[in-house]
C-alpha atoms as a PDB file:
ATOM      1  CA  MET A   1       4.345  -2.178 -10.515  1.00  0.00           C
ATOM      2  CA  SER A   2       4.978  -5.174  -8.270  1.00  0.00           C
ATOM      3  CA  THR A   3       4.518  -5.358  -4.501  1.00  0.00           C
ATOM      4  CA  ALA A   4       6.973  -6.490  -1.805  1.00  0.00           C
ATOM      5  CA  LYS A   5       5.326  -9.933  -1.720  1.00  0.00           C
ATOM      6  CA  ASP A   6       5.672 -10.152  -5.505  1.00  0.00           C
ATOM      7  CA  ASN A   7       9.370  -9.326  -5.140  1.00  0.00           C
ATOM      8  CA  GLU A   8       9.792 -12.155  -2.635  1.00  0.00           C
ATOM      9  CA  LEU A   9       8.173 -14.583  -5.062  1.00  0.00           C
ATOM     10  CA  TRP A  10      10.361 -13.278  -7.890  1.00  0.00           C
ATOM     11  CA  VAL A  11      13.517 -13.989  -5.879  1.00  0.00           C
ATOM     12  CA  LEU A  12      12.427 -17.595  -5.322  1.00  0.00           C
ATOM     13  CA  LEU A  13      11.414 -18.075  -8.964  1.00  0.00           C
ATOM     14  CA  LEU A  14      14.661 -16.540 -10.195  1.00  0.00           C
ATOM     15  CA  GLU A  15      16.660 -18.988  -8.105  1.00  0.00           C
ATOM     16  CA  LYS A  16      14.815 -21.932  -9.630  1.00  0.00           C
ATOM     17  CA  ALA A  17      15.184 -20.561 -13.169  1.00  0.00           C
ATOM     18  CA  TRP A  18      18.872 -19.835 -12.628  1.00  0.00           C
ATOM     19  CA  ALA A  19      19.448 -23.411 -11.428  1.00  0.00           C
ATOM     20  CA  LYS A  20      17.564 -24.731 -14.473  1.00  0.00           C
ATOM     21  CA  VAL A  21      19.743 -22.735 -16.869  1.00  0.00           C
ATOM     22  CA  HIS A  22      22.880 -24.136 -15.252  1.00  0.00           C
ATOM     23  CA  GLY A  23      21.675 -27.724 -15.040  1.00  0.00           C
ATOM     24  CA  ASP A  24      21.023 -28.069 -11.287  1.00  0.00           C
ATOM     25  CA  TYR A  25      21.300 -26.376  -7.896  1.00  0.00           C
ATOM     26  CA  CYS A  26      24.803 -27.777  -7.278  1.00  0.00           C
ATOM     27  CA  ARG A  27      26.178 -25.620 -10.083  1.00  0.00           C
ATOM     28  CA  ILE A  28      24.911 -22.378  -8.543  1.00  0.00           C
ATOM     29  CA  VAL A  29      26.155 -22.935  -4.988  1.00  0.00           C
ATOM     30  CA  GLY A  30      27.981 -19.832  -3.850  1.00  0.00           C
ATOM     31  CA  GLY A  31      26.478 -17.726  -6.632  1.00  0.00           C
ATOM     32  CA  LEU A  32      25.895 -14.040  -6.106  1.00  0.00           C
ATOM     33  CA  CYS A  33      22.346 -12.681  -6.250  1.00  0.00           C
ATOM     34  CA  HIS A  34      23.148  -9.556  -8.252  1.00  0.00           C
ATOM     35  CA  GLU A  35      24.464 -11.667 -11.130  1.00  0.00           C
ATOM     36  CA  THR A  36      21.322 -13.769 -11.121  1.00  0.00           C
ATOM     37  CA  PHE A  37      19.101 -10.682 -10.962  1.00  0.00           C
ATOM     38  CA  ARG A  38      20.941  -9.193 -13.929  1.00  0.00           C
ATOM     39  CA  ASP A  39      20.944 -12.322 -16.050  1.00  0.00           C
ATOM     40  CA  MET A  40      17.366 -13.346 -15.347  1.00  0.00           C
ATOM     41  CA  THR A  41      15.637  -9.956 -15.539  1.00  0.00           C
ATOM     42  CA  GLY A  42      17.787  -7.918 -17.918  1.00  0.00           C
ATOM     43  CA  ALA A  43      18.047  -5.243 -15.223  1.00  0.00           C
ATOM     44  CA  PRO A  44      21.367  -4.194 -13.760  1.00  0.00           C
ATOM     45  CA  GLY A  45      22.430  -5.907 -10.557  1.00  0.00           C
ATOM     46  CA  TYR A  46      24.559  -4.328  -7.848  1.00  0.00           C
ATOM     47  CA  MET A  47      26.446  -5.816  -4.915  1.00  0.00           C
ATOM     48  CA  TYR A  48      27.373  -3.748  -1.879  1.00  0.00           C
ATOM     49  CA  LYS A  49      29.762  -4.903   0.845  1.00  0.00           C
ATOM     50  CA  SER A  50      28.160  -3.780   4.090  1.00  0.00           C
ATOM     51  CA  ASN A  51      31.456  -3.071   5.835  1.00  0.00           C
ATOM     52  CA  ASP A  52      32.689  -0.901   2.949  1.00  0.00           C
ATOM     53  CA  GLU A  53      29.536   1.185   2.658  1.00  0.00           C
ATOM     54  CA  ASP A  54      28.670   4.275   4.640  1.00  0.00           C
ATOM     55  CA  PRO A  55      25.671   3.203   6.792  1.00  0.00           C
ATOM     56  CA  ILE A  56      23.586   6.232   5.820  1.00  0.00           C
ATOM     57  CA  GLU A  57      24.265   5.721   2.104  1.00  0.00           C
ATOM     58  CA  LEU A  58      23.507   1.988   2.282  1.00  0.00           C
ATOM     59  CA  TRP A  59      20.240   2.629   4.154  1.00  0.00           C
ATOM     60  CA  THR A  60      19.287   5.281   1.575  1.00  0.00           C
ATOM     61  CA  LYS A  61      19.944   2.839  -1.297  1.00  0.00           C
ATOM     62  CA  MET A  62      17.879   0.124   0.376  1.00  0.00           C
ATOM     63  CA  GLU A  63      15.046   2.511   1.255  1.00  0.00           C
ATOM     64  CA  LYS A  64      14.960   3.863  -2.311  1.00  0.00           C
ATOM     65  CA  ALA A  65      14.942   0.324  -3.746  1.00  0.00           C
ATOM     66  CA  ASP A  66      12.137  -0.730  -1.391  1.00  0.00           C
ATOM     67  CA  LYS A  67       9.993   2.280  -2.307  1.00  0.00           C
ATOM     68  CA  ARG A  68      10.414   1.463  -5.996  1.00  0.00           C
ATOM     69  CA  ASN A  69       9.737  -2.265  -5.446  1.00  0.00           C
ATOM     70  CA  HIS A  70      13.146  -3.238  -6.769  1.00  0.00           C
ATOM     71  CA  LEU A  71      14.629  -6.650  -6.021  1.00  0.00           C
ATOM     72  CA  LEU A  72      16.661  -6.827  -2.804  1.00  0.00           C
ATOM     73  CA  ALA A  73      18.618  -9.661  -1.244  1.00  0.00           C
ATOM     74  CA  ALA A  74      21.385 -10.105   1.306  1.00  0.00           C
ATOM     75  CA  GLY A  75      24.020 -12.668   2.143  1.00  0.00           C
ATOM     76  CA  ILE A  76      26.065 -13.687   5.139  1.00  0.00           C
ATOM     77  CA  SER A  77      29.682 -14.694   4.905  1.00  0.00           C
ATOM     78  CA  GLY A  78      31.816 -15.013   7.976  1.00  0.00           C
ATOM     79  CA  LYS A  79      33.603 -17.210  10.414  1.00  0.00           C
ATOM     80  CA  ASN A  80      31.293 -16.876  13.419  1.00  0.00           C
ATOM     81  CA  VAL A  81      29.106 -19.762  12.266  1.00  0.00           C
ATOM     82  CA  LYS A  82      28.018 -20.992  15.724  1.00  0.00           C
ATOM     83  CA  GLU A  83      27.409 -17.479  17.027  1.00  0.00           C
ATOM     84  CA  LEU A  84      25.285 -16.550  14.009  1.00  0.00           C
ATOM     85  CA  GLU A  85      23.362 -19.837  14.145  1.00  0.00           C
ATOM     86  CA  ALA A  86      22.596 -19.167  17.817  1.00  0.00           C
ATOM     87  CA  GLU A  87      21.036 -15.878  16.664  1.00  0.00           C
ATOM     88  CA  GLY A  88      18.979 -17.718  14.023  1.00  0.00           C
ATOM     89  CA  LEU A  89      21.091 -16.832  10.968  1.00  0.00           C
ATOM     90  CA  ILE A  90      22.910 -19.037   8.461  1.00  0.00           C
ATOM     91  CA  VAL A  91      26.362 -18.339   7.017  1.00  0.00           C
ATOM     92  CA  GLY A  92      26.822 -18.755   3.254  1.00  0.00           C
ATOM     93  CA  HIS A  93      23.113 -18.310   2.622  1.00  0.00           C
ATOM     94  CA  ALA A  94      21.148 -15.815   0.528  1.00  0.00           C
ATOM     95  CA  TYR A  95      18.132 -14.092   2.086  1.00  0.00           C
ATOM     96  CA  SER A  96      15.330 -12.074   0.507  1.00  0.00           C
ATOM     97  CA  VAL A  97      15.006  -8.509   1.771  1.00  0.00           C
ATOM     98  CA  ILE A  98      11.263  -7.893   1.872  1.00  0.00           C
ATOM     99  CA  ALA A  99      10.939  -4.348   3.209  1.00  0.00           C
ATOM    100  CA  VAL A 100      12.539  -1.546   5.177  1.00  0.00           C
ATOM    101  CA  ALA A 101      10.850   0.848   7.586  1.00  0.00           C
ATOM    102  CA  THR A 102      11.524   3.490  10.206  1.00  0.00           C
ATOM    103  CA  VAL A 103       9.673   3.021  13.495  1.00  0.00           C
ATOM    104  CA  TYR A 104       9.924   4.004  17.147  1.00  0.00           C
ATOM    105  CA  SER A 105      10.906   1.464  19.798  1.00  0.00           C
ATOM    106  CA  ASN A 106       9.201   1.077  23.170  1.00  0.00           C
ATOM    107  CA  GLU A 107      11.936   3.410  24.523  1.00  0.00           C
ATOM    108  CA  GLY A 108      10.913   6.106  22.012  1.00  0.00           C
ATOM    109  CA  LYS A 109      14.067   5.611  19.910  1.00  0.00           C
ATOM    110  CA  LYS A 110      13.694   6.150  16.163  1.00  0.00           C
ATOM    111  CA  THR A 111      15.035   3.002  14.495  1.00  0.00           C
ATOM    112  CA  ASN A 112      15.538   1.836  10.926  1.00  0.00           C
ATOM    113  CA  ILE A 113      14.484  -1.804  10.595  1.00  0.00           C
ATOM    114  CA  VAL A 114      14.772  -4.380   7.812  1.00  0.00           C
ATOM    115  CA  GLN A 115      12.410  -7.270   7.045  1.00  0.00           C
ATOM    116  CA  VAL A 116      14.294 -10.348   5.888  1.00  0.00           C
ATOM    117  CA  ARG A 117      13.174 -13.811   4.796  1.00  0.00           C
ATOM    118  CA  ASN A 118      15.078 -17.057   4.936  1.00  0.00           C
ATOM    119  CA  PRO A 119      14.026 -18.853   1.716  1.00  0.00           C
ATOM    120  CA  TRP A 120      13.943 -22.119   3.665  1.00  0.00           C
ATOM    121  CA  GLY A 121      10.819 -20.768   5.375  1.00  0.00           C
ATOM    122  CA  SER A 122      12.133 -21.458   8.873  1.00  0.00           C
ATOM    123  CA  PHE A 123      15.087 -20.685  11.149  1.00  0.00           C
ATOM    124  CA  GLU A 124      14.918 -16.977  11.855  1.00  0.00           C
ATOM    125  CA  TRP A 125      16.564 -14.129  13.761  1.00  0.00           C
ATOM    126  CA  ASN A 126      15.854 -14.217  17.488  1.00  0.00           C
ATOM    127  CA  GLY A 127      17.487 -10.934  18.555  1.00  0.00           C
ATOM    128  CA  LYS A 128      16.186  -7.398  18.939  1.00  0.00           C
ATOM    129  CA  TRP A 129      13.118  -6.635  16.771  1.00  0.00           C
ATOM    130  CA  SER A 130      12.418 -10.346  16.217  1.00  0.00           C
ATOM    131  CA  ASP A 131       8.770 -11.440  16.169  1.00  0.00           C
ATOM    132  CA  THR A 132       8.259 -11.636  19.941  1.00  0.00           C
ATOM    133  CA  ASP A 133      10.840  -9.079  21.092  1.00  0.00           C
ATOM    134  CA  THR A 134       9.602  -6.517  23.625  1.00  0.00           C
ATOM    135  CA  THR A 135      11.101  -3.635  21.607  1.00  0.00           C
ATOM    136  CA  TRP A 136       7.951  -3.515  19.480  1.00  0.00           C
ATOM    137  CA  THR A 137       5.195  -1.003  20.210  1.00  0.00           C
ATOM    138  CA  ASP A 138       1.632  -1.523  19.037  1.00  0.00           C
ATOM    139  CA  LYS A 139       2.060   1.438  16.678  1.00  0.00           C
ATOM    140  CA  ALA A 140       5.254  -0.042  15.155  1.00  0.00           C
ATOM    141  CA  LYS A 141       3.593  -3.463  14.773  1.00  0.00           C
ATOM    142  CA  LYS A 142       0.651  -1.865  13.002  1.00  0.00           C
ATOM    143  CA  LYS A 143       2.876   0.231  10.713  1.00  0.00           C
ATOM    144  CA  VAL A 144       4.794  -2.801   9.396  1.00  0.00           C
ATOM    145  CA  LYS A 145       1.856  -5.224   9.672  1.00  0.00           C
ATOM    146  CA  LEU A 146       3.897  -7.535  11.907  1.00  0.00           C
ATOM    147  CA  VAL A 147       2.925 -11.194  11.646  1.00  0.00           C
ATOM    148  CA  VAL A 148       4.159 -13.326  14.530  1.00  0.00           C
ATOM    149  CA  ASP A 149       4.912 -16.755  13.127  1.00  0.00           C
ATOM    150  CA  LYS A 150       7.974 -18.620  14.326  1.00  0.00           C
ATOM    151  CA  GLU A 151       7.950 -21.009  11.383  1.00  0.00           C
ATOM    152  CA  ASP A 152       7.682 -18.713   8.347  1.00  0.00           C
ATOM    153  CA  GLY A 153      11.355 -17.664   8.097  1.00  0.00           C
ATOM    154  CA  THR A 154      10.376 -13.978   7.907  1.00  0.00           C
ATOM    155  CA  PHE A 155      11.663 -11.563  10.534  1.00  0.00           C
ATOM    156  CA  TRP A 156      12.546  -7.954  11.276  1.00  0.00           C
ATOM    157  CA  MET A 157      15.831  -6.693  12.689  1.00  0.00           C
ATOM    158  CA  SER A 158      17.405  -3.292  13.193  1.00  0.00           C
ATOM    159  CA  PHE A 159      19.434  -1.976  10.282  1.00  0.00           C
ATOM    160  CA  GLU A 160      22.394  -1.760  12.655  1.00  0.00           C
ATOM    161  CA  ASP A 161      22.167  -5.501  13.423  1.00  0.00           C
ATOM    162  CA  PHE A 162      21.463  -6.263   9.761  1.00  0.00           C
ATOM    163  CA  LYS A 163      24.563  -4.395   8.613  1.00  0.00           C
ATOM    164  CA  SER A 164      26.800  -6.049  11.179  1.00  0.00           C
ATOM    165  CA  ARG A 165      25.637  -9.583  10.250  1.00  0.00           C
ATOM    166  CA  PHE A 166      24.809  -9.442   6.541  1.00  0.00           C
ATOM    167  CA  SER A 167      28.076  -8.820   4.720  1.00  0.00           C
ATOM    168  CA  LEU A 168      26.532  -8.376   1.271  1.00  0.00           C
ATOM    169  CA  VAL A 169      23.487  -6.481   0.006  1.00  0.00           C
ATOM    170  CA  PHE A 170      22.212  -7.019  -3.543  1.00  0.00           C
ATOM    171  CA  ILE A 171      19.941  -4.586  -5.377  1.00  0.00           C
ATOM    172  CA  SER A 172      18.424  -4.858  -8.832  1.00  0.00           C
ATOM    173  CA  PRO A 173      16.544  -1.770 -10.033  1.00  0.00           C
ATOM    174  CA  TYR A 174      14.196  -3.884 -12.134  1.00  0.00           C
ATOM    175  CA  GLU A 175      11.474  -2.161 -14.123  1.00  0.00           C
ATOM    176  CA  ASP A 176       8.755  -3.926 -16.118  1.00  0.00           C
ATOM    177  CA  ASP A 177       9.919  -2.449 -19.432  1.00  0.00           C
ATOM    178  CA  TYR A 178      13.534  -3.690 -19.200  1.00  0.00           C
ATOM    179  CA  LYS A 179      14.624  -5.946 -22.048  1.00  0.00           C
ATOM    180  CA  PHE A 180      16.564  -9.187 -21.587  1.00  0.00           C
ATOM    181  CA  ASP A 181      19.309 -10.301 -23.959  1.00  0.00           C
ATOM    182  CA  TYR A 182      21.717 -13.186 -23.568  1.00  0.00           C
ATOM    183  CA  GLU A 183      23.952 -15.662 -25.315  1.00  0.00           C
ATOM    184  CA  MET A 184      24.396 -19.289 -24.249  1.00  0.00           C
ATOM    185  CA  VAL A 185      27.794 -20.899 -24.587  1.00  0.00           C
ATOM    186  CA  PRO A 186      28.150 -24.667 -24.029  1.00  0.00           C
ATOM    187  CA  THR A 187      30.374 -25.775 -21.165  1.00  0.00           C
ATOM    188  CA  PRO A 188      33.334 -28.103 -21.709  1.00  0.00           C
ATOM    189  CA  VAL A 189      32.498 -31.700 -22.655  1.00  0.00           C
ATOM    190  CA  LYS A 190      32.926 -33.081 -19.100  1.00  0.00           C
ATOM    191  CA  GLN A 191      30.242 -30.790 -17.666  1.00  0.00           C
ATOM    192  CA  ASP A 192      26.517 -30.504 -18.257  1.00  0.00           C
ATOM    193  CA  GLY A 193      24.695 -27.224 -18.738  1.00  0.00           C
ATOM    194  CA  ASN A 194      25.577 -23.907 -20.321  1.00  0.00           C
ATOM    195  CA  TYR A 195      27.214 -20.635 -19.420  1.00  0.00           C
ATOM    196  CA  LEU A 196      24.885 -17.654 -19.735  1.00  0.00           C
ATOM    197  CA  PHE A 197      26.282 -14.254 -20.756  1.00  0.00           C
END
């Protein structure tokens, strides 16, 4: 079974493979992660709209996926581009979801938190539960093995903040014994690449 770090690597490799199948990165702009997960692994892929999901049910799905080392990703769509950028987030961008955890804040409040990675490897969340935020306790840092690095693109945030900013959550319950099957259909003459079904 793979680890969380393996899952992060898989997400990056899948993106490159998906672009290769379609000819280049320009042809996959705006693509949805669950479709890529499904087509590249043979496992089902699911997309959840954060605003349409019950918070408890969405957290349970993410927690279950994390425990089983399934592939997780998230995306931001919205109109508050400047506001989100000021918080260290990018609209129209897919992020890897590395892990989820439940910890206690320095105020003793039990909090569900989500570890996210910007595939660019930089530009990260600067709000509550970010790398240097004072909400962290030594016990919480130790539990999640917090690494403080402003330039790695990896960060933690509360599930509440995650849900309010990330509009889409993608989950692929990949297992090593899943089989992959596909059919390639050439695109029209004016375009390069193939469609993958």
